[in-house]
Amino acid sequence: MTLSDMPLRRTAIVESVEDRQPNDVIARRLRELGFVTGEEVTVLTTGPVGREPLLVQVGYTRFALRRSEAQRIRVREQGAGA
């Protein structure tokens, strides 16, 4: 599933960040921010209009992500099989 599909306040593990084109600047930036394989991530809340942005915590840092950015991040719920 993608990070944008995650239920609120459930912890997930990042599996990958999807590159949508060669040298994808957004995907590279997401990885630089800490969305890397094995990292814990939680969607804390969503905005009131269109459920955007998503307030996401990765490690001890919080970020506001557009839904289109969160859709690039593949996750599995914590406790789910590898």
PDB file of N, CA and C in Angstrom:
ATOM      1  N   MET A   1       0.845  -1.170   0.000  1.00  0.00           N
ATOM      2  CA  MET A   1       0.000   0.000   0.000  1.00  0.00           C
ATOM      3  C   MET A   1       0.890   1.233   0.000  1.00  0.00           C
ATOM      4  N   THR A   2       0.291   2.363  -0.275  1.00  0.00           N
ATOM      5  CA  THR A   2       1.060   3.604  -0.252  1.00  0.00           C
ATOM      6  C   THR A   2       0.795   4.355   1.044  1.00  0.00           C
ATOM      7  N   LEU A   3       1.661   5.281   1.351  1.00  0.00           N
ATOM      8  CA  LEU A   3       1.512   6.072   2.572  1.00  0.00           C
ATOM      9  C   LEU A   3       0.188   6.836   2.559  1.00  0.00           C
ATOM     10  N   SER A   4      -0.263   7.268   1.399  1.00  0.00           N
ATOM     11  CA  SER A   4      -1.526   8.016   1.321  1.00  0.00           C
ATOM     12  C   SER A   4      -2.732   7.138   1.651  1.00  0.00           C
ATOM     13  N   ASP A   5      -2.596   5.813   1.585  1.00  0.00           N
ATOM     14  CA  ASP A   5      -3.680   4.880   1.903  1.00  0.00           C
ATOM     15  C   ASP A   5      -3.695   4.458   3.375  1.00  0.00           C
ATOM     16  N   MET A   6      -2.683   4.834   4.122  1.00  0.00           N
ATOM     17  CA  MET A   6      -2.562   4.387   5.512  1.00  0.00           C
ATOM     18  C   MET A   6      -3.633   5.000   6.398  1.00  0.00           C
ATOM     19  N   PRO A   7      -4.197   4.189   7.306  1.00  0.00           N
ATOM     20  CA  PRO A   7      -5.105   4.749   8.317  1.00  0.00           C
ATOM     21  C   PRO A   7      -4.324   5.682   9.245  1.00  0.00           C
ATOM     22  N   LEU A   8      -5.010   6.651   9.818  1.00  0.00           N
ATOM     23  CA  LEU A   8      -4.366   7.585  10.735  1.00  0.00           C
ATOM     24  C   LEU A   8      -3.837   6.870  11.973  1.00  0.00           C
ATOM     25  N   ARG A   9      -2.693   7.361  12.440  1.00  0.00           N
ATOM     26  CA  ARG A   9      -2.085   6.926  13.700  1.00  0.00           C
ATOM     27  C   ARG A   9      -1.658   5.466  13.753  1.00  0.00           C
ATOM     28  N   ARG A  10      -1.491   4.826  12.599  1.00  0.00           N
ATOM     29  CA  ARG A  10      -0.943   3.466  12.567  1.00  0.00           C
ATOM     30  C   ARG A  10       0.484   3.552  12.052  1.00  0.00           C
ATOM     31  N   THR A  11       1.359   2.812  12.686  1.00  0.00           N
ATOM     32  CA  THR A  11       2.758   2.818  12.280  1.00  0.00           C
ATOM     33  C   THR A  11       2.961   1.858  11.126  1.00  0.00           C
ATOM     34  N   ALA A  12       3.747   2.295  10.156  1.00  0.00           N
ATOM     35  CA  ALA A  12       4.097   1.468   9.005  1.00  0.00           C
ATOM     36  C   ALA A  12       5.605   1.521   8.814  1.00  0.00           C
ATOM     37  N   ILE A  13       6.078   0.639   7.956  1.00  0.00           N
ATOM     38  CA  ILE A  13       7.499   0.575   7.613  1.00  0.00           C
ATOM     39  C   ILE A  13       7.639   0.928   6.136  1.00  0.00           C
ATOM     40  N   VAL A  14       8.545   1.847   5.834  1.00  0.00           N
ATOM     41  CA  VAL A  14       8.790   2.225   4.445  1.00  0.00           C
ATOM     42  C   VAL A  14       9.439   1.058   3.716  1.00  0.00           C
ATOM     43  N   GLU A  15       8.875   0.686   2.573  1.00  0.00           N
ATOM     44  CA  GLU A  15       9.470  -0.344   1.714  1.00  0.00           C
ATOM     45  C   GLU A  15      10.275   0.282   0.586  1.00  0.00           C
ATOM     46  N   SER A  16       9.743   1.352  -0.007  1.00  0.00           N
ATOM     47  CA  SER A  16      10.458   2.006  -1.103  1.00  0.00           C
ATOM     48  C   SER A  16       9.804   3.334  -1.431  1.00  0.00           C
ATOM     49  N   VAL A  17      10.517   4.148  -2.198  1.00  0.00           N
ATOM     50  CA  VAL A  17       9.970   5.379  -2.763  1.00  0.00           C
ATOM     51  C   VAL A  17      10.014   5.214  -4.276  1.00  0.00           C
ATOM     52  N   GLU A  18       8.875   5.386  -4.906  1.00  0.00           N
ATOM     53  CA  GLU A  18       8.730   5.147  -6.347  1.00  0.00           C
ATOM     54  C   GLU A  18       9.226   6.340  -7.168  1.00  0.00           C
ATOM     55  N   ASP A  19      10.122   6.059  -8.082  1.00  0.00           N
ATOM     56  CA  ASP A  19      10.545   7.060  -9.064  1.00  0.00           C
ATOM     57  C   ASP A  19       9.543   7.025 -10.208  1.00  0.00           C
ATOM     58  N   ARG A  20       8.957   8.159 -10.535  1.00  0.00           N
ATOM     59  CA  ARG A  20       7.963   8.208 -11.609  1.00  0.00           C
ATOM     60  C   ARG A  20       8.581   8.546 -12.960  1.00  0.00           C
ATOM     61  N   GLN A  21       9.835   8.972 -12.933  1.00  0.00           N
ATOM     62  CA  GLN A  21      10.571   9.294 -14.161  1.00  0.00           C
ATOM     63  C   GLN A  21      12.062   9.196 -13.850  1.00  0.00           C
ATOM     64  N   PRO A  22      12.897   9.137 -14.858  1.00  0.00           N
ATOM     65  CA  PRO A  22      14.342   9.104 -14.590  1.00  0.00           C
ATOM     66  C   PRO A  22      14.770  10.363 -13.828  1.00  0.00           C
ATOM     67  N   ASN A  23      15.668  10.192 -12.871  1.00  0.00           N
ATOM     68  CA  ASN A  23      16.161  11.312 -12.058  1.00  0.00           C
ATOM     69  C   ASN A  23      15.016  12.088 -11.415  1.00  0.00           C
ATOM     70  N   ASP A  24      14.066  11.385 -10.836  1.00  0.00           N
ATOM     71  CA  ASP A  24      12.876  11.983 -10.227  1.00  0.00           C
ATOM     72  C   ASP A  24      13.277  12.824  -9.009  1.00  0.00           C
ATOM     73  N   VAL A  25      13.140  14.133  -9.125  1.00  0.00           N
ATOM     74  CA  VAL A  25      13.566  15.068  -8.089  1.00  0.00           C
ATOM     75  C   VAL A  25      12.739  14.900  -6.811  1.00  0.00           C
ATOM     76  N   ILE A  26      11.437  14.690  -6.946  1.00  0.00           N
ATOM     77  CA  ILE A  26      10.578  14.542  -5.776  1.00  0.00           C
ATOM     78  C   ILE A  26      10.915  13.263  -5.019  1.00  0.00           C
ATOM     79  N   ALA A  27      11.062  12.154  -5.715  1.00  0.00           N
ATOM     80  CA  ALA A  27      11.411  10.885  -5.068  1.00  0.00           C
ATOM     81  C   ALA A  27      12.769  10.997  -4.376  1.00  0.00           C
ATOM     82  N   ARG A  28      13.718  11.625  -5.021  1.00  0.00           N
ATOM     83  CA  ARG A  28      15.044  11.791  -4.414  1.00  0.00           C
ATOM     84  C   ARG A  28      14.943  12.632  -3.137  1.00  0.00           C
ATOM     85  N   ARG A  29      14.157  13.690  -3.178  1.00  0.00           N
ATOM     86  CA  ARG A  29      14.002  14.559  -2.006  1.00  0.00           C
ATOM     87  C   ARG A  29      13.318  13.814  -0.848  1.00  0.00           C
ATOM     88  N   LEU A  30      12.327  12.999  -1.162  1.00  0.00           N
ATOM     89  CA  LEU A  30      11.658  12.212  -0.119  1.00  0.00           C
ATOM     90  C   LEU A  30      12.659  11.282   0.569  1.00  0.00           C
ATOM     91  N   ARG A  31      13.528  10.648  -0.215  1.00  0.00           N
ATOM     92  CA  ARG A  31      14.557   9.777   0.373  1.00  0.00           C
ATOM     93  C   ARG A  31      15.536  10.585   1.226  1.00  0.00           C
ATOM     94  N   GLU A  32      15.900  11.789   0.759  1.00  0.00           N
ATOM     95  CA  GLU A  32      16.806  12.643   1.530  1.00  0.00           C
ATOM     96  C   GLU A  32      16.184  13.059   2.863  1.00  0.00           C
ATOM     97  N   LEU A  33      14.859  13.206   2.883  1.00  0.00           N
ATOM     98  CA  LEU A  33      14.159  13.602   4.104  1.00  0.00           C
ATOM     99  C   LEU A  33      14.039  12.461   5.118  1.00  0.00           C
ATOM    100  N   GLY A  34      14.351  11.228   4.681  1.00  0.00           N
ATOM    101  CA  GLY A  34      14.330  10.103   5.603  1.00  0.00           C
ATOM    102  C   GLY A  34      13.361   8.995   5.261  1.00  0.00           C
ATOM    103  N   PHE A  35      12.654   9.109   4.149  1.00  0.00           N
ATOM    104  CA  PHE A  35      11.738   8.047   3.729  1.00  0.00           C
ATOM    105  C   PHE A  35      12.552   6.975   3.007  1.00  0.00           C
ATOM    106  N   VAL A  36      13.210   6.142   3.813  1.00  0.00           N
ATOM    107  CA  VAL A  36      14.093   5.106   3.289  1.00  0.00           C
ATOM    108  C   VAL A  36      13.625   3.743   3.798  1.00  0.00           C
ATOM    109  N   THR A  37      14.010   2.705   3.100  1.00  0.00           N
ATOM    110  CA  THR A  37      13.605   1.342   3.439  1.00  0.00           C
ATOM    111  C   THR A  37      13.898   1.036   4.906  1.00  0.00           C
ATOM    112  N   GLY A  38      12.868   0.503   5.588  1.00  0.00           N
ATOM    113  CA  GLY A  38      13.014   0.099   6.974  1.00  0.00           C
ATOM    114  C   GLY A  38      12.660   1.157   8.000  1.00  0.00           C
ATOM    115  N   GLU A  39      12.464   2.393   7.568  1.00  0.00           N
ATOM    116  CA  GLU A  39      12.155   3.474   8.516  1.00  0.00           C
ATOM    117  C   GLU A  39      10.684   3.439   8.916  1.00  0.00           C
ATOM    118  N   GLU A  40      10.401   3.699  10.192  1.00  0.00           N
ATOM    119  CA  GLU A  40       9.015   3.769  10.669  1.00  0.00           C
ATOM    120  C   GLU A  40       8.396   5.095  10.268  1.00  0.00           C
ATOM    121  N   VAL A  41       7.117   5.043   9.889  1.00  0.00           N
ATOM    122  CA  VAL A  41       6.406   6.242   9.469  1.00  0.00           C
ATOM    123  C   VAL A  41       4.956   6.152   9.946  1.00  0.00           C
ATOM    124  N   THR A  42       4.386   7.295  10.311  1.00  0.00           N
ATOM    125  CA  THR A  42       3.003   7.364  10.784  1.00  0.00           C
ATOM    126  C   THR A  42       2.321   8.578  10.165  1.00  0.00           C
ATOM    127  N   VAL A  43       1.095   8.395   9.676  1.00  0.00           N
ATOM    128  CA  VAL A  43       0.280   9.527   9.239  1.00  0.00           C
ATOM    129  C   VAL A  43      -0.479   9.997  10.473  1.00  0.00           C
ATOM    130  N   LEU A  44      -0.179  11.204  10.937  1.00  0.00           N
ATOM    131  CA  LEU A  44      -0.757  11.706  12.179  1.00  0.00           C
ATOM    132  C   LEU A  44      -2.136  12.324  11.973  1.00  0.00           C
ATOM    133  N   THR A  45      -2.289  13.099  10.922  1.00  0.00           N
ATOM    134  CA  THR A  45      -3.569  13.745  10.642  1.00  0.00           C
ATOM    135  C   THR A  45      -3.577  14.227   9.186  1.00  0.00           C
ATOM    136  N   THR A  46      -4.747  14.656   8.741  1.00  0.00           N
ATOM    137  CA  THR A  46      -4.875  15.200   7.387  1.00  0.00           C
ATOM    138  C   THR A  46      -5.531  16.566   7.469  1.00  0.00           C
ATOM    139  N   GLY A  47      -5.322  17.343   6.428  1.00  0.00           N
ATOM    140  CA  GLY A  47      -5.933  18.662   6.363  1.00  0.00           C
ATOM    141  C   GLY A  47      -7.440  18.572   6.142  1.00  0.00           C
ATOM    142  N   PRO A  48      -8.148  19.683   6.356  1.00  0.00           N
ATOM    143  CA  PRO A  48      -9.605  19.672   6.281  1.00  0.00           C
ATOM    144  C   PRO A  48     -10.179  19.658   4.864  1.00  0.00           C
ATOM    145  N   VAL A  49      -9.452  20.182   3.913  1.00  0.00           N
ATOM    146  CA  VAL A  49      -9.972  20.282   2.546  1.00  0.00           C
ATOM    147  C   VAL A  49      -9.304  19.234   1.671  1.00  0.00           C
ATOM    148  N   GLY A  50     -10.069  18.268   1.184  1.00  0.00           N
ATOM    149  CA  GLY A  50      -9.505  17.227   0.339  1.00  0.00           C
ATOM    150  C   GLY A  50      -8.531  16.322   1.064  1.00  0.00           C
ATOM    151  N   ARG A  51      -8.574  16.371   2.409  1.00  0.00           N
ATOM    152  CA  ARG A  51      -7.659  15.573   3.236  1.00  0.00           C
ATOM    153  C   ARG A  51      -6.199  15.851   2.884  1.00  0.00           C
ATOM    154  N   GLU A  52      -5.902  17.095   2.510  1.00  0.00           N
ATOM    155  CA  GLU A  52      -4.527  17.506   2.230  1.00  0.00           C
ATOM    156  C   GLU A  52      -4.179  18.714   3.062  1.00  0.00           C
ATOM    157  N   PRO A  53      -2.940  18.888   3.430  1.00  0.00           N
ATOM    158  CA  PRO A  53      -1.831  17.941   3.317  1.00  0.00           C
ATOM    159  C   PRO A  53      -1.938  16.859   4.389  1.00  0.00           C
ATOM    160  N   LEU A  54      -1.060  15.877   4.287  1.00  0.00           N
ATOM    161  CA  LEU A  54      -0.936  14.837   5.305  1.00  0.00           C
ATOM    162  C   LEU A  54       0.178  15.262   6.262  1.00  0.00           C
ATOM    163  N   LEU A  55      -0.062  15.175   7.548  1.00  0.00           N
ATOM    164  CA  LEU A  55       0.998  15.397   8.524  1.00  0.00           C
ATOM    165  C   LEU A  55       1.584  14.028   8.841  1.00  0.00           C
ATOM    166  N   VAL A  56       2.846  13.841   8.492  1.00  0.00           N
ATOM    167  CA  VAL A  56       3.509  12.538   8.562  1.00  0.00           C
ATOM    168  C   VAL A  56       4.718  12.639   9.476  1.00  0.00           C
ATOM    169  N   GLN A  57       4.913  11.614  10.300  1.00  0.00           N
ATOM    170  CA  GLN A  57       6.110  11.553  11.130  1.00  0.00           C
ATOM    171  C   GLN A  57       6.977  10.406  10.659  1.00  0.00           C
ATOM    172  N   VAL A  58       8.234  10.714  10.382  1.00  0.00           N
ATOM    173  CA  VAL A  58       9.219   9.694  10.044  1.00  0.00           C
ATOM    174  C   VAL A  58      10.370   9.888  11.020  1.00  0.00           C
ATOM    175  N   GLY A  59      10.655   8.845  11.783  1.00  0.00           N
ATOM    176  CA  GLY A  59      11.623   8.995  12.871  1.00  0.00           C
ATOM    177  C   GLY A  59      11.055   9.965  13.887  1.00  0.00           C
ATOM    178  N   TYR A  60      11.823  11.018  14.228  1.00  0.00           N
ATOM    179  CA  TYR A  60      11.360  12.029  15.179  1.00  0.00           C
ATOM    180  C   TYR A  60      10.963  13.328  14.485  1.00  0.00           C
ATOM    181  N   THR A  61      10.875  13.308  13.165  1.00  0.00           N
ATOM    182  CA  THR A  61      10.614  14.517  12.396  1.00  0.00           C
ATOM    183  C   THR A  61       9.240  14.450  11.742  1.00  0.00           C
ATOM    184  N   ARG A  62       8.566  15.586  11.705  1.00  0.00           N
ATOM    185  CA  ARG A  62       7.246  15.660  11.084  1.00  0.00           C
ATOM    186  C   ARG A  62       7.318  16.498   9.810  1.00  0.00           C
ATOM    187  N   PHE A  63       6.557  16.042   8.799  1.00  0.00           N
ATOM    188  CA  PHE A  63       6.505  16.718   7.511  1.00  0.00           C
ATOM    189  C   PHE A  63       5.061  16.840   7.062  1.00  0.00           C
ATOM    190  N   ALA A  64       4.763  17.889   6.326  1.00  0.00           N
ATOM    191  CA  ALA A  64       3.481  17.999   5.632  1.00  0.00           C
ATOM    192  C   ALA A  64       3.735  17.580   4.190  1.00  0.00           C
ATOM    193  N   LEU A  65       3.015  16.556   3.737  1.00  0.00           N
ATOM    194  CA  LEU A  65       3.180  16.049   2.376  1.00  0.00           C
ATOM    195  C   LEU A  65       1.878  16.185   1.606  1.00  0.00           C
ATOM    196  N   ARG A  66       2.004  16.500   0.331  1.00  0.00           N
ATOM    197  CA  ARG A  66       0.845  16.430  -0.556  1.00  0.00           C
ATOM    198  C   ARG A  66       0.489  14.962  -0.735  1.00  0.00           C
ATOM    199  N   ARG A  67      -0.762  14.703  -0.994  1.00  0.00           N
ATOM    200  CA  ARG A  67      -1.215  13.326  -1.219  1.00  0.00           C
ATOM    201  C   ARG A  67      -0.443  12.710  -2.392  1.00  0.00           C
ATOM    202  N   SER A  68      -0.171  13.479  -3.445  1.00  0.00           N
ATOM    203  CA  SER A  68       0.562  12.955  -4.607  1.00  0.00           C
ATOM    204  C   SER A  68       1.978  12.538  -4.229  1.00  0.00           C
ATOM    205  N   GLU A  69       2.589  13.226  -3.266  1.00  0.00           N
ATOM    206  CA  GLU A  69       3.918  12.830  -2.788  1.00  0.00           C
ATOM    207  C   GLU A  69       3.828  11.561  -1.954  1.00  0.00           C
ATOM    208  N   ALA A  70       2.827  11.488  -1.077  1.00  0.00           N
ATOM    209  CA  ALA A  70       2.653  10.311  -0.220  1.00  0.00           C
ATOM    210  C   ALA A  70       2.349   9.057  -1.046  1.00  0.00           C
ATOM    211  N   GLN A  71       1.751   9.229  -2.214  1.00  0.00           N
ATOM    212  CA  GLN A  71       1.443   8.078  -3.071  1.00  0.00           C
ATOM    213  C   GLN A  71       2.700   7.432  -3.645  1.00  0.00           C
ATOM    214  N   ARG A  72       3.811   8.111  -3.613  1.00  0.00           N
ATOM    215  CA  ARG A  72       5.075   7.552  -4.109  1.00  0.00           C
ATOM    216  C   ARG A  72       5.748   6.634  -3.089  1.00  0.00           C
ATOM    217  N   ILE A  73       5.316   6.703  -1.830  1.00  0.00           N
ATOM    218  CA  ILE A  73       5.980   5.978  -0.751  1.00  0.00           C
ATOM    219  C   ILE A  73       5.226   4.681  -0.471  1.00  0.00           C
ATOM    220  N   ARG A  74       5.864   3.544  -0.780  1.00  0.00           N
ATOM    221  CA  ARG A  74       5.285   2.216  -0.527  1.00  0.00           C
ATOM    222  C   ARG A  74       5.609   1.828   0.910  1.00  0.00           C
ATOM    223  N   VAL A  75       4.575   1.367   1.627  1.00  0.00           N
ATOM    224  CA  VAL A  75       4.746   0.971   3.027  1.00  0.00           C
ATOM    225  C   VAL A  75       4.048  -0.353   3.289  1.00  0.00           C
ATOM    226  N   ARG A  76       4.404  -0.961   4.420  1.00  0.00           N
ATOM    227  CA  ARG A  76       3.650  -2.109   4.935  1.00  0.00           C
ATOM    228  C   ARG A  76       3.377  -1.804   6.391  1.00  0.00           C
ATOM    229  N   GLU A  77       2.184  -2.202   6.840  1.00  0.00           N
ATOM    230  CA  GLU A  77       1.831  -1.944   8.227  1.00  0.00           C
ATOM    231  C   GLU A  77       2.771  -2.709   9.148  1.00  0.00           C
ATOM    232  N   GLN A  78       3.113  -2.083  10.254  1.00  0.00           N
ATOM    233  CA  GLN A  78       4.010  -2.728  11.222  1.00  0.00           C
ATOM    234  C   GLN A  78       3.353  -4.007  11.714  1.00  0.00           C
ATOM    235  N   GLY A  79       4.141  -5.060  11.790  1.00  0.00           N
ATOM    236  CA  GLY A  79       3.625  -6.353  12.207  1.00  0.00           C
ATOM    237  C   GLY A  79       3.200  -7.227  11.029  1.00  0.00           C
ATOM    238  N   ALA A  80       3.045  -6.625   9.842  1.00  0.00           N
ATOM    239  CA  ALA A  80       2.708  -7.421   8.647  1.00  0.00           C
ATOM    240  C   ALA A  80       3.960  -8.141   8.181  1.00  0.00           C
ATOM    241  N   GLY A  81       3.787  -9.257   7.528  1.00  0.00           N
ATOM    242  CA  GLY A  81       4.927 -10.043   7.040  1.00  0.00           C
ATOM    243  C   GLY A  81       5.748  -9.288   6.029  1.00  0.00           C
ATOM    244  N   ALA A  82       7.010  -9.613   5.930  1.00  0.00           N
ATOM    245  CA  ALA A  82       7.911  -8.931   5.009  1.00  0.00           C
ATOM    246  C   ALA A  82       7.681  -9.352   3.591  1.00  0.00           C
TER     247      ALA A  82
END
